[in-house]
Amino acid sequence: DIIQSDSYTASVTRADGSVTEMVWEPTHFYA
């Protein structure tokens, strides 16, 4: 599931309690 994903959005709770989203994408050139 991970390696075939086009991207992934993570929900991250910061130390101050705020919530931010991070988007990660594959690094290989075919993707």
PDB file of all heavy atoms in Angstrom:
ATOM      1  N   ASP A   1       0.830  -1.211   0.000  1.00  0.00           N
ATOM      2  CA  ASP A   1       0.000   0.000   0.000  1.00  0.00           C
ATOM      3  C   ASP A   1       0.859   1.254   0.000  1.00  0.00           C
ATOM      4  O   ASP A   1       0.525   2.257  -0.663  1.00  0.00           O
ATOM      5  CB  ASP A   1      -0.921   0.008   1.225  1.00  0.00           C
ATOM      6  CG  ASP A   1      -1.990  -1.076   1.174  1.00  0.00           C
ATOM      7  OD1 ASP A   1      -2.246  -1.607   0.067  1.00  0.00           O
ATOM      8  OD2 ASP A   1      -2.560  -1.392   2.234  1.00  0.00           O
ATOM      9  N   ILE A   2       1.964   1.217   0.737  1.00  0.00           N
ATOM     10  CA  ILE A   2       2.840   2.391   0.825  1.00  0.00           C
ATOM     11  C   ILE A   2       3.519   2.666  -0.509  1.00  0.00           C
ATOM     12  O   ILE A   2       3.467   3.787  -1.029  1.00  0.00           O
ATOM     13  CB  ILE A   2       3.888   2.203   1.937  1.00  0.00           C
ATOM     14  CG1 ILE A   2       3.219   2.162   3.318  1.00  0.00           C
ATOM     15  CG2 ILE A   2       4.932   3.329   1.901  1.00  0.00           C
ATOM     16  CD1 ILE A   2       4.140   1.748   4.447  1.00  0.00           C
ATOM     17  N   ILE A   3       4.187   1.659  -1.075  1.00  0.00           N
ATOM     18  CA  ILE A   3       5.013   1.918  -2.257  1.00  0.00           C
ATOM     19  C   ILE A   3       4.189   2.253  -3.492  1.00  0.00           C
ATOM     20  O   ILE A   3       4.699   2.882  -4.420  1.00  0.00           O
ATOM     21  CB  ILE A   3       5.974   0.749  -2.562  1.00  0.00           C
ATOM     22  CG1 ILE A   3       5.210  -0.525  -2.914  1.00  0.00           C
ATOM     23  CG2 ILE A   3       6.930   0.520  -1.397  1.00  0.00           C
ATOM     24  CD1 ILE A   3       6.112  -1.660  -3.391  1.00  0.00           C
ATOM     25  N   GLN A   4       2.907   1.853  -3.524  1.00  0.00           N
ATOM     26  CA  GLN A   4       2.105   2.163  -4.707  1.00  0.00           C
ATOM     27  C   GLN A   4       1.300   3.456  -4.548  1.00  0.00           C
ATOM     28  O   GLN A   4       0.548   3.840  -5.441  1.00  0.00           O
ATOM     29  CB  GLN A   4       1.168   1.004  -5.041  1.00  0.00           C
ATOM     30  CG  GLN A   4       0.061   0.747  -4.033  1.00  0.00           C
ATOM     31  CD  GLN A   4      -0.784  -0.462  -4.416  1.00  0.00           C
ATOM     32  OE1 GLN A   4      -0.544  -1.116  -5.437  1.00  0.00           O
ATOM     33  NE2 GLN A   4      -1.790  -0.744  -3.610  1.00  0.00           N
ATOM     34  N   SER A   5       1.500   4.159  -3.431  1.00  0.00           N
ATOM     35  CA  SER A   5       0.783   5.411  -3.201  1.00  0.00           C
ATOM     36  C   SER A   5       1.360   6.546  -4.035  1.00  0.00           C
ATOM     37  O   SER A   5       2.580   6.697  -4.140  1.00  0.00           O
ATOM     38  CB  SER A   5       0.844   5.793  -1.723  1.00  0.00           C
ATOM     39  OG  SER A   5       0.217   4.817  -0.913  1.00  0.00           O
ATOM     40  N   ASP A   6       0.480   7.362  -4.605  1.00  0.00           N
ATOM     41  CA  ASP A   6       0.921   8.555  -5.331  1.00  0.00           C
ATOM     42  C   ASP A   6       1.330   9.655  -4.370  1.00  0.00           C
ATOM     43  O   ASP A   6       2.180  10.494  -4.693  1.00  0.00           O
ATOM     44  CB  ASP A   6      -0.200   9.063  -6.234  1.00  0.00           C
ATOM     45  CG  ASP A   6      -0.526   8.082  -7.360  1.00  0.00           C
ATOM     46  OD1 ASP A   6       0.396   7.370  -7.808  1.00  0.00           O
ATOM     47  OD2 ASP A   6      -1.698   8.016  -7.765  1.00  0.00           O
ATOM     48  N   SER A   7       0.725   9.674  -3.196  1.00  0.00           N
ATOM     49  CA  SER A   7       1.067  10.633  -2.154  1.00  0.00           C
ATOM     50  C   SER A   7       0.422  10.176  -0.850  1.00  0.00           C
ATOM     51  O   SER A   7      -0.417   9.261  -0.844  1.00  0.00           O
ATOM     52  CB  SER A   7       0.582  12.048  -2.507  1.00  0.00           C
ATOM     53  OG  SER A   7      -0.837  12.100  -2.510  1.00  0.00           O
ATOM     54  N   TYR A   8       0.830  10.805   0.237  1.00  0.00           N
ATOM     55  CA  TYR A   8       0.256  10.483   1.542  1.00  0.00           C
ATOM     56  C   TYR A   8       0.210  11.756   2.374  1.00  0.00           C
ATOM     57  O   TYR A   8       1.178  12.531   2.401  1.00  0.00           O
ATOM     58  CB  TYR A   8       1.101   9.428   2.263  1.00  0.00           C
ATOM     59  CG  TYR A   8       0.563   9.044   3.622  1.00  0.00           C
ATOM     60  CD1 TYR A   8      -0.487   8.133   3.739  1.00  0.00           C
ATOM     61  CD2 TYR A   8       1.096   9.592   4.790  1.00  0.00           C
ATOM     62  CE1 TYR A   8      -0.988   7.773   4.983  1.00  0.00           C
ATOM     63  CE2 TYR A   8       0.599   9.234   6.035  1.00  0.00           C
ATOM     64  CZ  TYR A   8      -0.451   8.325   6.124  1.00  0.00           C
ATOM     65  OH  TYR A   8      -0.947   7.981   7.357  1.00  0.00           O
ATOM     66  N   THR A   9      -0.912  11.979   3.037  1.00  0.00           N
ATOM     67  CA  THR A   9      -1.079  13.141   3.898  1.00  0.00           C
ATOM     68  C   THR A   9      -1.093  12.701   5.354  1.00  0.00           C
ATOM     69  O   THR A   9      -1.946  11.903   5.761  1.00  0.00           O
ATOM     70  CB  THR A   9      -2.376  13.899   3.576  1.00  0.00           C
ATOM     71  OG1 THR A   9      -2.360  14.299   2.196  1.00  0.00           O
ATOM     72  CG2 THR A   9      -2.515  15.127   4.465  1.00  0.00           C
ATOM     73  N   ALA A  10      -0.126  13.189   6.123  1.00  0.00           N
ATOM     74  CA  ALA A  10      -0.012  12.853   7.545  1.00  0.00           C
ATOM     75  C   ALA A  10      -0.551  14.006   8.382  1.00  0.00           C
ATOM     76  O   ALA A  10      -0.301  15.177   8.082  1.00  0.00           O
ATOM     77  CB  ALA A  10       1.437  12.581   7.912  1.00  0.00           C
ATOM     78  N   SER A  11      -1.279  13.659   9.437  1.00  0.00           N
ATOM     79  CA  SER A  11      -1.764  14.658  10.391  1.00  0.00           C
ATOM     80  C   SER A  11      -0.822  14.666  11.592  1.00  0.00           C
ATOM     81  O   SER A  11      -0.673  13.644  12.276  1.00  0.00           O
ATOM     82  CB  SER A  11      -3.188  14.320  10.837  1.00  0.00           C
ATOM     83  OG  SER A  11      -3.657  15.257  11.791  1.00  0.00           O
ATOM     84  N   VAL A  12      -0.182  15.809  11.820  1.00  0.00           N
ATOM     85  CA  VAL A  12       0.854  15.906  12.853  1.00  0.00           C
ATOM     86  C   VAL A  12       0.430  16.915  13.916  1.00  0.00           C
ATOM     87  O   VAL A  12       0.082  18.063  13.591  1.00  0.00           O
ATOM     88  CB  VAL A  12       2.197  16.339  12.233  1.00  0.00           C
ATOM     89  CG1 VAL A  12       3.285  16.429  13.301  1.00  0.00           C
ATOM     90  CG2 VAL A  12       2.604  15.379  11.119  1.00  0.00           C
ATOM     91  N   THR A  13       0.449  16.480  15.179  1.00  0.00           N
ATOM     92  CA  THR A  13       0.160  17.371  16.292  1.00  0.00           C
ATOM     93  C   THR A  13       1.468  17.959  16.801  1.00  0.00           C
ATOM     94  O   THR A  13       2.355  17.224  17.241  1.00  0.00           O
ATOM     95  CB  THR A  13      -0.563  16.629  17.430  1.00  0.00           C
ATOM     96  OG1 THR A  13      -1.786  16.072  16.930  1.00  0.00           O
ATOM     97  CG2 THR A  13      -0.882  17.582  18.580  1.00  0.00           C
ATOM     98  N   ARG A  14       1.604  19.270  16.716  1.00  0.00           N
ATOM     99  CA  ARG A  14       2.818  19.947  17.139  1.00  0.00           C
ATOM    100  C   ARG A  14       2.908  20.000  18.659  1.00  0.00           C
ATOM    101  O   ARG A  14       1.937  19.730  19.376  1.00  0.00           O
ATOM    102  CB  ARG A  14       2.862  21.368  16.577  1.00  0.00           C
ATOM    103  CG  ARG A  14       2.911  21.463  15.063  1.00  0.00           C
ATOM    104  CD  ARG A  14       4.213  20.891  14.495  1.00  0.00           C
ATOM    105  NE  ARG A  14       4.410  21.263  13.092  1.00  0.00           N
ATOM    106  CZ  ARG A  14       5.381  20.824  12.336  1.00  0.00           C
ATOM    107  NH1 ARG A  14       6.275  19.976  12.828  1.00  0.00           N
ATOM    108  NH2 ARG A  14       5.494  21.205  11.079  1.00  0.00           N
ATOM    109  N   ALA A  15       4.099  20.339  19.148  1.00  0.00           N
ATOM    110  CA  ALA A  15       4.333  20.399  20.592  1.00  0.00           C
ATOM    111  C   ALA A  15       3.412  21.406  21.272  1.00  0.00           C
ATOM    112  O   ALA A  15       3.051  21.244  22.447  1.00  0.00           O
ATOM    113  CB  ALA A  15       5.790  20.742  20.871  1.00  0.00           C
ATOM    114  N   ASP A  16       2.980  22.451  20.555  1.00  0.00           N
ATOM    115  CA  ASP A  16       2.103  23.461  21.147  1.00  0.00           C
ATOM    116  C   ASP A  16       0.630  23.088  21.051  1.00  0.00           C
ATOM    117  O   ASP A  16      -0.246  23.889  21.413  1.00  0.00           O
ATOM    118  CB  ASP A  16       2.346  24.827  20.499  1.00  0.00           C
ATOM    119  CG  ASP A  16       2.030  24.835  19.002  1.00  0.00           C
ATOM    120  OD1 ASP A  16       1.553  23.807  18.476  1.00  0.00           O
ATOM    121  OD2 ASP A  16       2.275  25.872  18.354  1.00  0.00           O
ATOM    122  N   GLY A  17       0.335  21.883  20.523  1.00  0.00           N
ATOM    123  CA  GLY A  17      -1.041  21.419  20.419  1.00  0.00           C
ATOM    124  C   GLY A  17      -1.704  21.694  19.091  1.00  0.00           C
ATOM    125  O   GLY A  17      -2.792  21.163  18.815  1.00  0.00           O
ATOM    126  N   SER A  18      -1.110  22.500  18.261  1.00  0.00           N
ATOM    127  CA  SER A  18      -1.681  22.765  16.938  1.00  0.00           C
ATOM    128  C   SER A  18      -1.513  21.544  16.041  1.00  0.00           C
ATOM    129  O   SER A  18      -0.629  20.709  16.261  1.00  0.00           O
ATOM    130  CB  SER A  18      -1.011  23.983  16.301  1.00  0.00           C
ATOM    131  OG  SER A  18       0.377  23.741  16.098  1.00  0.00           O
ATOM    132  N   VAL A  19      -2.380  21.453  15.042  1.00  0.00           N
ATOM    133  CA  VAL A  19      -2.350  20.308  14.126  1.00  0.00           C
ATOM    134  C   VAL A  19      -2.027  20.806  12.727  1.00  0.00           C
ATOM    135  O   VAL A  19      -2.593  21.798  12.247  1.00  0.00           O
ATOM    136  CB  VAL A  19      -3.697  19.564  14.125  1.00  0.00           C
ATOM    137  CG1 VAL A  19      -3.667  18.413  13.117  1.00  0.00           C
ATOM    138  CG2 VAL A  19      -4.018  19.035  15.519  1.00  0.00           C
ATOM    139  N   THR A  20      -1.091  20.131  12.071  1.00  0.00           N
ATOM    140  CA  THR A  20      -0.719  20.491  10.706  1.00  0.00           C
ATOM    141  C   THR A  20      -0.725  19.243   9.836  1.00  0.00           C
ATOM    142  O   THR A  20      -0.611  18.114  10.340  1.00  0.00           O
ATOM    143  CB  THR A  20       0.680  21.149  10.662  1.00  0.00           C
ATOM    144  OG1 THR A  20       0.933  21.634   9.351  1.00  0.00           O
ATOM    145  CG2 THR A  20       1.763  20.144  11.046  1.00  0.00           C
ATOM    146  N   GLU A  21      -0.885  19.436   8.544  1.00  0.00           N
ATOM    147  CA  GLU A  21      -0.852  18.327   7.602  1.00  0.00           C
ATOM    148  C   GLU A  21       0.423  18.397   6.771  1.00  0.00           C
ATOM    149  O   GLU A  21       0.838  19.473   6.344  1.00  0.00           O
ATOM    150  CB  GLU A  21      -2.073  18.346   6.687  1.00  0.00           C
ATOM    151  CG  GLU A  21      -3.364  17.993   7.410  1.00  0.00           C
ATOM    152  CD  GLU A  21      -4.538  17.858   6.455  1.00  0.00           C
ATOM    153  OE1 GLU A  21      -4.435  18.354   5.298  1.00  0.00           O
ATOM    154  OE2 GLU A  21      -5.543  17.258   6.852  1.00  0.00           O
ATOM    155  N   MET A  22       1.021  17.223   6.573  1.00  0.00           N
ATOM    156  CA  MET A  22       2.216  17.120   5.744  1.00  0.00           C
ATOM    157  C   MET A  22       1.929  16.160   4.592  1.00  0.00           C
ATOM    158  O   MET A  22       1.365  15.079   4.804  1.00  0.00           O
ATOM    159  CB  MET A  22       3.403  16.598   6.555  1.00  0.00           C
ATOM    160  CG  MET A  22       3.876  17.548   7.628  1.00  0.00           C
ATOM    161  SD  MET A  22       5.353  16.890   8.463  1.00  0.00           S
ATOM    162  CE  MET A  22       5.804  18.301   9.472  1.00  0.00           C
ATOM    163  N   VAL A  23       2.299  16.557   3.386  1.00  0.00           N
ATOM    164  CA  VAL A  23       2.079  15.730   2.204  1.00  0.00           C
ATOM    165  C   VAL A  23       3.422  15.198   1.713  1.00  0.00           C
ATOM    166  O   VAL A  23       4.355  15.968   1.479  1.00  0.00           O
ATOM    167  CB  VAL A  23       1.388  16.531   1.082  1.00  0.00           C
ATOM    168  CG1 VAL A  23       1.186  15.642  -0.146  1.00  0.00           C
ATOM    169  CG2 VAL A  23       0.051  17.090   1.566  1.00  0.00           C
ATOM    170  N   TRP A  24       3.492  13.867   1.585  1.00  0.00           N
ATOM    171  CA  TRP A  24       4.724  13.218   1.143  1.00  0.00           C
ATOM    172  C   TRP A  24       4.469  12.451  -0.144  1.00  0.00           C
ATOM    173  O   TRP A  24       3.442  11.779  -0.292  1.00  0.00           O
ATOM    174  CB  TRP A  24       5.236  12.281   2.239  1.00  0.00           C
ATOM    175  CG  TRP A  24       5.572  13.005   3.514  1.00  0.00           C
ATOM    176  CD1 TRP A  24       6.194  14.213   3.622  1.00  0.00           C
ATOM    177  CD2 TRP A  24       5.267  12.592   4.844  1.00  0.00           C
ATOM    178  NE1 TRP A  24       6.332  14.571   4.940  1.00  0.00           N
ATOM    179  CE2 TRP A  24       5.776  13.602   5.733  1.00  0.00           C
ATOM    180  CE3 TRP A  24       4.654  11.480   5.410  1.00  0.00           C
ATOM    181  CZ2 TRP A  24       5.661  13.517   7.110  1.00  0.00           C
ATOM    182  CZ3 TRP A  24       4.533  11.387   6.786  1.00  0.00           C
ATOM    183  CH2 TRP A  24       5.040  12.402   7.627  1.00  0.00           C
ATOM    184  N   GLU A  25       5.421  12.526  -1.075  1.00  0.00           N
ATOM    185  CA  GLU A  25       5.279  11.891  -2.377  1.00  0.00           C
ATOM    186  C   GLU A  25       6.486  11.016  -2.687  1.00  0.00           C
ATOM    187  O   GLU A  25       7.573  11.229  -2.137  1.00  0.00           O
ATOM    188  CB  GLU A  25       5.128  12.971  -3.468  1.00  0.00           C
ATOM    189  CG  GLU A  25       3.888  13.829  -3.281  1.00  0.00           C
ATOM    190  CD  GLU A  25       3.786  14.917  -4.323  1.00  0.00           C
ATOM    191  OE1 GLU A  25       4.818  15.218  -4.974  1.00  0.00           O
ATOM    192  OE2 GLU A  25       2.686  15.478  -4.488  1.00  0.00           O
ATOM    193  N   PRO A  26       6.321  10.043  -3.597  1.00  0.00           N
ATOM    194  CA  PRO A  26       7.438   9.159  -3.945  1.00  0.00           C
ATOM    195  C   PRO A  26       8.597   9.933  -4.567  1.00  0.00           C
ATOM    196  O   PRO A  26       8.382  10.931  -5.272  1.00  0.00           O
ATOM    197  CB  PRO A  26       6.827   8.190  -4.965  1.00  0.00           C
ATOM    198  CG  PRO A  26       5.355   8.288  -4.773  1.00  0.00           C
ATOM    199  CD  PRO A  26       5.083   9.677  -4.300  1.00  0.00           C
ATOM    200  N   THR A  27       9.801   9.459  -4.340  1.00  0.00           N
ATOM    201  CA  THR A  27      10.981  10.145  -4.861  1.00  0.00           C
ATOM    202  C   THR A  27      11.487   9.563  -6.176  1.00  0.00           C
ATOM    203  O   THR A  27      12.346  10.183  -6.822  1.00  0.00           O
ATOM    204  CB  THR A  27      12.131  10.076  -3.830  1.00  0.00           C
ATOM    205  OG1 THR A  27      12.371   8.702  -3.486  1.00  0.00           O
ATOM    206  CG2 THR A  27      11.779  10.851  -2.567  1.00  0.00           C
ATOM    207  N   HIS A  28      10.988   8.390  -6.604  1.00  0.00           N
ATOM    208  CA  HIS A  28      11.521   7.831  -7.862  1.00  0.00           C
ATOM    209  C   HIS A  28      10.903   8.545  -9.058  1.00  0.00           C
ATOM    210  O   HIS A  28       9.760   9.023  -9.034  1.00  0.00           O
ATOM    211  CB  HIS A  28      11.338   6.311  -7.918  1.00  0.00           C
ATOM    212  CG  HIS A  28       9.911   5.835  -8.019  1.00  0.00           C
ATOM    213  ND1 HIS A  28       9.257   5.761  -9.231  1.00  0.00           N
ATOM    214  CD2 HIS A  28       9.037   5.393  -7.074  1.00  0.00           C
ATOM    215  CE1 HIS A  28       8.026   5.288  -9.035  1.00  0.00           C
ATOM    216  NE2 HIS A  28       7.873   5.060  -7.733  1.00  0.00           N
ATOM    217  N   PHE A  29      11.686   8.645 -10.119  1.00  0.00           N
ATOM    218  CA  PHE A  29      11.332   9.459 -11.280  1.00  0.00           C
ATOM    219  C   PHE A  29      10.166   8.892 -12.085  1.00  0.00           C
ATOM    220  O   PHE A  29       9.510   9.636 -12.832  1.00  0.00           O
ATOM    221  CB  PHE A  29      12.546   9.650 -12.188  1.00  0.00           C
ATOM    222  CG  PHE A  29      13.527  10.673 -11.696  1.00  0.00           C
ATOM    223  CD1 PHE A  29      13.386  11.261 -10.437  1.00  0.00           C
ATOM    224  CD2 PHE A  29      14.610  11.056 -12.491  1.00  0.00           C
ATOM    225  CE1 PHE A  29      14.298  12.209  -9.983  1.00  0.00           C
ATOM    226  CE2 PHE A  29      15.521  12.016 -12.040  1.00  0.00           C
ATOM    227  CZ  PHE A  29      15.364  12.591 -10.787  1.00  0.00           C
ATOM    228  N   TYR A  30       9.899   7.590 -11.989  1.00  0.00           N
ATOM    229  CA  TYR A  30       8.755   7.038 -12.709  1.00  0.00           C
ATOM    230  C   TYR A  30       7.456   7.602 -12.128  1.00  0.00           C
ATOM    231  O   TYR A  30       6.503   7.858 -12.864  1.00  0.00           O
ATOM    232  CB  TYR A  30       8.747   5.512 -12.627  1.00  0.00           C
ATOM    233  CG  TYR A  30       9.910   4.848 -13.316  1.00  0.00           C
ATOM    234  CD1 TYR A  30      10.728   3.955 -12.625  1.00  0.00           C
ATOM    235  CD2 TYR A  30      10.200   5.093 -14.656  1.00  0.00           C
ATOM    236  CE1 TYR A  30      11.802   3.330 -13.242  1.00  0.00           C
ATOM    237  CE2 TYR A  30      11.269   4.484 -15.290  1.00  0.00           C
ATOM    238  CZ  TYR A  30      12.071   3.600 -14.572  1.00  0.00           C
ATOM    239  OH  TYR A  30      13.131   2.987 -15.192  1.00  0.00           O
ATOM    240  N   ALA A  31       7.427   7.793 -10.819  1.00  0.00           N
ATOM    241  CA  ALA A  31       6.230   8.324 -10.177  1.00  0.00           C
ATOM    242  C   ALA A  31       6.039   9.804 -10.490  1.00  0.00           C
ATOM    243  O   ALA A  31       4.919  10.280 -10.681  1.00  0.00           O
ATOM    244  CB  ALA A  31       6.307   8.114  -8.662  1.00  0.00           C
TER     245      ALA A  31
END
